[in-house]
Amino acid sequence: MPFAEANGARLYYAESGGEPIMLIPGLGLDHNYYRLAIPTFERVMAVFAVDPRGIGQSSKSQRQYSVESWADDFASLIRAIGKGPMHVLGTSLVPTIADE
């Protein structure tokens, strides 16, 4: 599986077969979050499922993580792998509704 240098981090991504899309998991999750969706996406798109800096197979760093630094990492990763521009699908924390 491939890695690319992005903003001083070694980021892991998985790539598969059309028009490119990057799948970015929510906080604390790695590329496996999309394991059930990837087969559907890859029928028509080149899928890049990424592990954010500090998560999964991507390198960790001493600097503080933030939404902005991860966004910079993903933009740098797209440039590093040379497949841009591409679609981006991301997830985030999902609020739960407490039972009343």
N, C-alpha and C. Protein backbone atom coordinates (compact mmCIF):
# COMPACT_ATOMS: atom_id res chain seq x y z
N MET A 1 0.83 -1.18 0.00
CA MET A 1 0.00 0.00 0.00
C MET A 1 0.88 1.24 0.00
N PRO A 2 0.43 2.30 -0.65
CA PRO A 2 1.27 3.48 -0.83
C PRO A 2 1.25 4.47 0.33
N PHE A 3 2.33 5.21 0.40
CA PHE A 3 2.48 6.34 1.31
C PHE A 3 2.94 7.52 0.48
N ALA A 4 2.68 8.73 0.96
CA ALA A 4 3.20 9.95 0.33
C ALA A 4 3.60 10.93 1.42
N GLU A 5 4.63 11.71 1.15
CA GLU A 5 5.05 12.77 2.07
C GLU A 5 4.15 13.97 1.86
N ALA A 6 3.58 14.48 2.96
CA ALA A 6 2.69 15.63 2.89
C ALA A 6 2.91 16.51 4.11
N ASN A 7 3.44 17.71 3.92
CA ASN A 7 3.68 18.64 5.02
C ASN A 7 4.53 18.04 6.13
N GLY A 8 5.53 17.27 5.75
CA GLY A 8 6.43 16.69 6.74
C GLY A 8 5.92 15.43 7.40
N ALA A 9 4.79 14.92 6.98
CA ALA A 9 4.24 13.67 7.53
C ALA A 9 4.22 12.62 6.44
N ARG A 10 4.31 11.39 6.83
CA ARG A 10 4.18 10.26 5.91
C ARG A 10 2.74 9.79 6.03
N LEU A 11 1.91 10.08 5.00
CA LEU A 11 0.49 9.74 5.05
C LEU A 11 0.22 8.48 4.24
N TYR A 12 -0.55 7.60 4.83
CA TYR A 12 -0.95 6.36 4.17
C TYR A 12 -2.24 6.61 3.39
N TYR A 13 -2.33 6.00 2.21
CA TYR A 13 -3.59 6.01 1.47
C TYR A 13 -3.72 4.72 0.69
N ALA A 14 -4.95 4.28 0.49
CA ALA A 14 -5.24 3.11 -0.33
C ALA A 14 -5.86 3.63 -1.62
N GLU A 15 -5.43 3.10 -2.76
CA GLU A 15 -5.91 3.58 -4.06
C GLU A 15 -6.55 2.45 -4.84
N SER A 16 -7.64 2.75 -5.51
CA SER A 16 -8.26 1.79 -6.41
C SER A 16 -8.81 2.52 -7.63
N GLY A 17 -9.37 1.78 -8.69
CA GLY A 17 -9.72 2.13 -10.00
C GLY A 17 -10.61 3.16 -10.57
N GLY A 18 -11.27 5.36 -12.47
CA GLY A 18 -12.08 6.40 -12.93
C GLY A 18 -11.69 7.74 -12.32
N GLU A 19 -12.61 8.53 -12.17
CA GLU A 19 -12.44 9.89 -11.68
C GLU A 19 -12.10 9.81 -10.18
N PRO A 20 -11.11 10.56 -9.71
CA PRO A 20 -10.64 10.37 -8.34
C PRO A 20 -11.54 10.98 -7.26
N ILE A 21 -11.60 10.27 -6.13
CA ILE A 21 -12.29 10.75 -4.93
C ILE A 21 -11.43 10.40 -3.72
N MET A 22 -11.29 11.34 -2.80
CA MET A 22 -10.56 11.08 -1.56
C MET A 22 -11.58 10.91 -0.44
N LEU A 23 -11.44 9.82 0.31
CA LEU A 23 -12.33 9.53 1.43
C LEU A 23 -11.60 9.83 2.72
N ILE A 24 -12.12 10.78 3.50
CA ILE A 24 -11.47 11.22 4.74
C ILE A 24 -12.37 10.82 5.91
N PRO A 25 -11.87 9.96 6.80
CA PRO A 25 -12.69 9.52 7.93
C PRO A 25 -12.78 10.58 9.02
N GLY A 26 -13.77 10.43 9.88
CA GLY A 26 -13.95 11.34 11.00
C GLY A 26 -12.88 11.15 12.08
N LEU A 27 -12.90 12.02 13.05
CA LEU A 27 -11.91 12.08 14.11
C LEU A 27 -11.65 10.72 14.76
N GLY A 28 -10.39 10.32 14.76
CA GLY A 28 -9.97 9.09 15.40
C GLY A 28 -10.13 7.84 14.57
N LEU A 29 -10.65 7.96 13.36
CA LEU A 29 -10.88 6.79 12.51
C LEU A 29 -9.86 6.75 11.39
N ASP A 30 -9.62 5.54 10.86
CA ASP A 30 -8.69 5.40 9.74
C ASP A 30 -9.47 5.04 8.47
N HIS A 31 -8.72 4.74 7.40
CA HIS A 31 -9.34 4.47 6.10
C HIS A 31 -10.32 3.31 6.14
N ASN A 32 -10.21 2.41 7.09
CA ASN A 32 -11.11 1.27 7.18
C ASN A 32 -12.55 1.66 7.47
N TYR A 33 -12.76 2.88 7.91
CA TYR A 33 -14.11 3.37 8.15
C TYR A 33 -14.96 3.21 6.88
N TYR A 34 -14.35 3.35 5.73
CA TYR A 34 -15.06 3.29 4.44
C TYR A 34 -15.04 1.92 3.79
N ARG A 35 -14.60 0.89 4.50
CA ARG A 35 -14.41 -0.43 3.89
C ARG A 35 -15.66 -0.98 3.20
N LEU A 36 -16.83 -0.67 3.70
CA LEU A 36 -18.06 -1.17 3.07
C LEU A 36 -18.49 -0.33 1.87
N ALA A 37 -18.08 0.93 1.83
CA ALA A 37 -18.46 1.82 0.72
C ALA A 37 -17.48 1.75 -0.45
N ILE A 38 -16.23 1.41 -0.17
CA ILE A 38 -15.21 1.43 -1.22
C ILE A 38 -15.57 0.55 -2.42
N PRO A 39 -16.06 -0.67 -2.23
CA PRO A 39 -16.39 -1.48 -3.42
C PRO A 39 -17.41 -0.81 -4.34
N THR A 40 -18.35 -0.08 -3.78
CA THR A 40 -19.35 0.62 -4.60
C THR A 40 -18.71 1.80 -5.32
N PHE A 41 -17.94 2.62 -4.58
CA PHE A 41 -17.28 3.77 -5.20
C PHE A 41 -16.32 3.33 -6.31
N GLU A 42 -15.54 2.28 -6.06
CA GLU A 42 -14.49 1.93 -7.01
C GLU A 42 -15.02 1.34 -8.31
N ARG A 43 -16.30 1.06 -8.39
CA ARG A 43 -16.89 0.63 -9.66
C ARG A 43 -16.81 1.74 -10.70
N VAL A 44 -16.84 2.99 -10.21
CA VAL A 44 -16.88 4.13 -11.15
C VAL A 44 -15.83 5.20 -10.87
N MET A 45 -15.08 5.05 -9.78
CA MET A 45 -14.13 6.11 -9.40
C MET A 45 -12.80 5.51 -8.95
N ALA A 46 -11.76 6.33 -9.05
CA ALA A 46 -10.48 5.97 -8.45
C ALA A 46 -10.54 6.44 -6.99
N VAL A 47 -10.54 5.50 -6.07
CA VAL A 47 -10.76 5.80 -4.66
C VAL A 47 -9.42 5.92 -3.92
N PHE A 48 -9.28 7.01 -3.15
CA PHE A 48 -8.13 7.22 -2.29
C PHE A 48 -8.66 7.36 -0.87
N ALA A 49 -8.54 6.29 -0.10
CA ALA A 49 -9.00 6.30 1.29
C ALA A 49 -7.77 6.57 2.16
N VAL A 50 -7.82 7.62 2.97
CA VAL A 50 -6.63 8.12 3.65
C VAL A 50 -6.72 7.93 5.16
N ASP A 51 -5.55 7.74 5.77
CA ASP A 51 -5.41 7.80 7.23
C ASP A 51 -4.87 9.18 7.56
N PRO A 52 -5.60 10.00 8.32
CA PRO A 52 -5.07 11.32 8.68
C PRO A 52 -3.79 11.20 9.51
N ARG A 53 -3.01 12.27 9.52
CA ARG A 53 -1.79 12.33 10.32
C ARG A 53 -2.12 11.93 11.77
N GLY A 54 -1.29 11.03 12.31
CA GLY A 54 -1.46 10.61 13.70
C GLY A 54 -2.43 9.46 13.90
N ILE A 55 -3.01 8.96 12.81
CA ILE A 55 -4.02 7.90 12.91
C ILE A 55 -3.67 6.78 11.93
N GLY A 56 -3.95 5.55 12.35
CA GLY A 56 -3.72 4.40 11.47
C GLY A 56 -2.26 4.25 11.10
N GLN A 57 -2.00 4.09 9.80
CA GLN A 57 -0.65 3.85 9.31
C GLN A 57 0.11 5.13 8.99
N SER A 58 -0.56 6.29 9.10
CA SER A 58 0.13 7.56 8.86
C SER A 58 1.02 7.92 10.05
N SER A 59 2.06 8.70 9.77
CA SER A 59 3.01 9.04 10.85
C SER A 59 2.38 10.00 11.85
N LYS A 60 2.93 9.96 13.04
CA LYS A 60 2.51 10.86 14.10
C LYS A 60 3.51 12.01 14.17
N SER A 61 3.11 13.12 14.73
CA SER A 61 4.03 14.24 14.86
C SER A 61 3.86 14.90 16.22
N GLN A 62 4.84 15.71 16.58
CA GLN A 62 4.81 16.40 17.85
C GLN A 62 3.90 17.63 17.81
N ARG A 63 3.66 18.16 16.61
CA ARG A 63 2.83 19.36 16.54
C ARG A 63 1.37 19.02 16.84
N GLN A 64 0.65 20.02 17.31
CA GLN A 64 -0.75 19.83 17.67
C GLN A 64 -1.59 19.62 16.41
N TYR A 65 -2.50 18.69 16.48
CA TYR A 65 -3.38 18.42 15.35
C TYR A 65 -4.56 19.40 15.39
N SER A 66 -5.02 19.77 14.20
CA SER A 66 -6.20 20.63 14.09
C SER A 66 -6.89 20.32 12.76
N VAL A 67 -8.12 20.77 12.66
CA VAL A 67 -8.85 20.60 11.40
C VAL A 67 -8.09 21.27 10.27
N GLU A 68 -7.54 22.46 10.55
CA GLU A 68 -6.81 23.20 9.53
C GLU A 68 -5.54 22.47 9.09
N SER A 69 -4.80 21.88 10.05
CA SER A 69 -3.57 21.17 9.68
C SER A 69 -3.89 19.91 8.89
N TRP A 70 -4.96 19.21 9.26
CA TRP A 70 -5.35 18.04 8.48
C TRP A 70 -5.77 18.46 7.07
N ALA A 71 -6.52 19.55 6.94
CA ALA A 71 -6.92 20.02 5.61
C ALA A 71 -5.69 20.34 4.77
N ASP A 72 -4.69 20.97 5.38
CA ASP A 72 -3.44 21.25 4.67
C ASP A 72 -2.76 19.95 4.25
N ASP A 73 -2.78 18.95 5.15
CA ASP A 73 -2.19 17.65 4.82
C ASP A 73 -2.87 17.01 3.62
N PHE A 74 -4.21 17.04 3.59
CA PHE A 74 -4.94 16.39 2.50
C PHE A 74 -4.70 17.12 1.18
N ALA A 75 -4.63 18.44 1.21
CA ALA A 75 -4.33 19.20 -0.02
C ALA A 75 -2.92 18.86 -0.50
N SER A 76 -1.98 18.77 0.43
CA SER A 76 -0.60 18.41 0.08
C SER A 76 -0.54 16.98 -0.46
N LEU A 77 -1.31 16.08 0.13
CA LEU A 77 -1.34 14.69 -0.32
C LEU A 77 -1.87 14.60 -1.76
N ILE A 78 -2.92 15.35 -2.06
CA ILE A 78 -3.46 15.35 -3.43
C ILE A 78 -2.39 15.80 -4.42
N ARG A 79 -1.64 16.85 -4.06
CA ARG A 79 -0.55 17.31 -4.93
C ARG A 79 0.54 16.23 -5.04
N ALA A 80 0.88 15.60 -3.92
CA ALA A 80 1.96 14.61 -3.90
C ALA A 80 1.66 13.39 -4.76
N ILE A 81 0.40 12.94 -4.77
CA ILE A 81 0.07 11.76 -5.56
C ILE A 81 -0.28 12.12 -7.00
N GLY A 82 -0.42 13.42 -7.28
CA GLY A 82 -0.59 13.88 -8.66
C GLY A 82 -1.89 13.48 -9.32
N LYS A 83 -2.96 13.36 -8.55
CA LYS A 83 -4.24 12.92 -9.12
C LYS A 83 -5.32 14.00 -9.04
N GLY A 84 -4.95 15.22 -8.67
CA GLY A 84 -5.94 16.29 -8.50
C GLY A 84 -6.30 16.95 -9.81
N PRO A 85 -7.36 17.71 -9.84
CA PRO A 85 -8.31 17.87 -8.75
C PRO A 85 -9.12 16.60 -8.55
N MET A 86 -9.68 16.45 -7.36
CA MET A 86 -10.49 15.27 -7.08
C MET A 86 -11.66 15.63 -6.18
N HIS A 87 -12.64 14.75 -6.20
CA HIS A 87 -13.77 14.87 -5.29
C HIS A 87 -13.28 14.51 -3.89
N VAL A 88 -13.94 15.06 -2.88
CA VAL A 88 -13.59 14.74 -1.49
C VAL A 88 -14.87 14.43 -0.73
N LEU A 89 -14.84 13.32 0.01
CA LEU A 89 -15.95 12.95 0.88
C LEU A 89 -15.37 12.77 2.28
N GLY A 90 -15.90 13.50 3.23
CA GLY A 90 -15.42 13.38 4.59
C GLY A 90 -16.57 13.16 5.55
N THR A 91 -16.24 12.58 6.68
CA THR A 91 -17.23 12.39 7.74
C THR A 91 -16.75 13.13 8.97
N SER A 92 -17.63 13.28 9.92
CA SER A 92 -17.28 13.97 11.15
C SER A 92 -18.02 13.31 12.30
N LEU A 93 -17.87 13.91 13.45
CA LEU A 93 -18.58 13.40 14.61
C LEU A 93 -20.07 13.52 14.38
N VAL A 94 -20.80 12.52 14.79
CA VAL A 94 -22.24 12.51 14.60
C VAL A 94 -22.89 12.64 15.97
N PRO A 95 -23.70 13.66 16.19
CA PRO A 95 -24.36 13.80 17.49
C PRO A 95 -25.38 12.68 17.67
N THR A 96 -25.54 12.25 18.89
CA THR A 96 -26.55 11.25 19.18
C THR A 96 -27.71 11.92 19.89
N ILE A 97 -28.88 11.38 19.72
CA ILE A 97 -30.06 11.91 20.37
C ILE A 97 -30.36 11.01 21.56
N ALA A 98 -30.33 11.60 22.73
CA ALA A 98 -30.60 10.83 23.95
C ALA A 98 -32.07 10.47 24.02
N ASP A 99 -32.31 9.28 24.53
CA ASP A 99 -33.71 8.87 24.75
C ASP A 99 -34.31 9.74 25.84
N GLU A 100 -35.52 10.14 25.63
CA GLU A 100 -36.20 10.98 26.64
C GLU A 100 -37.13 10.15 27.46
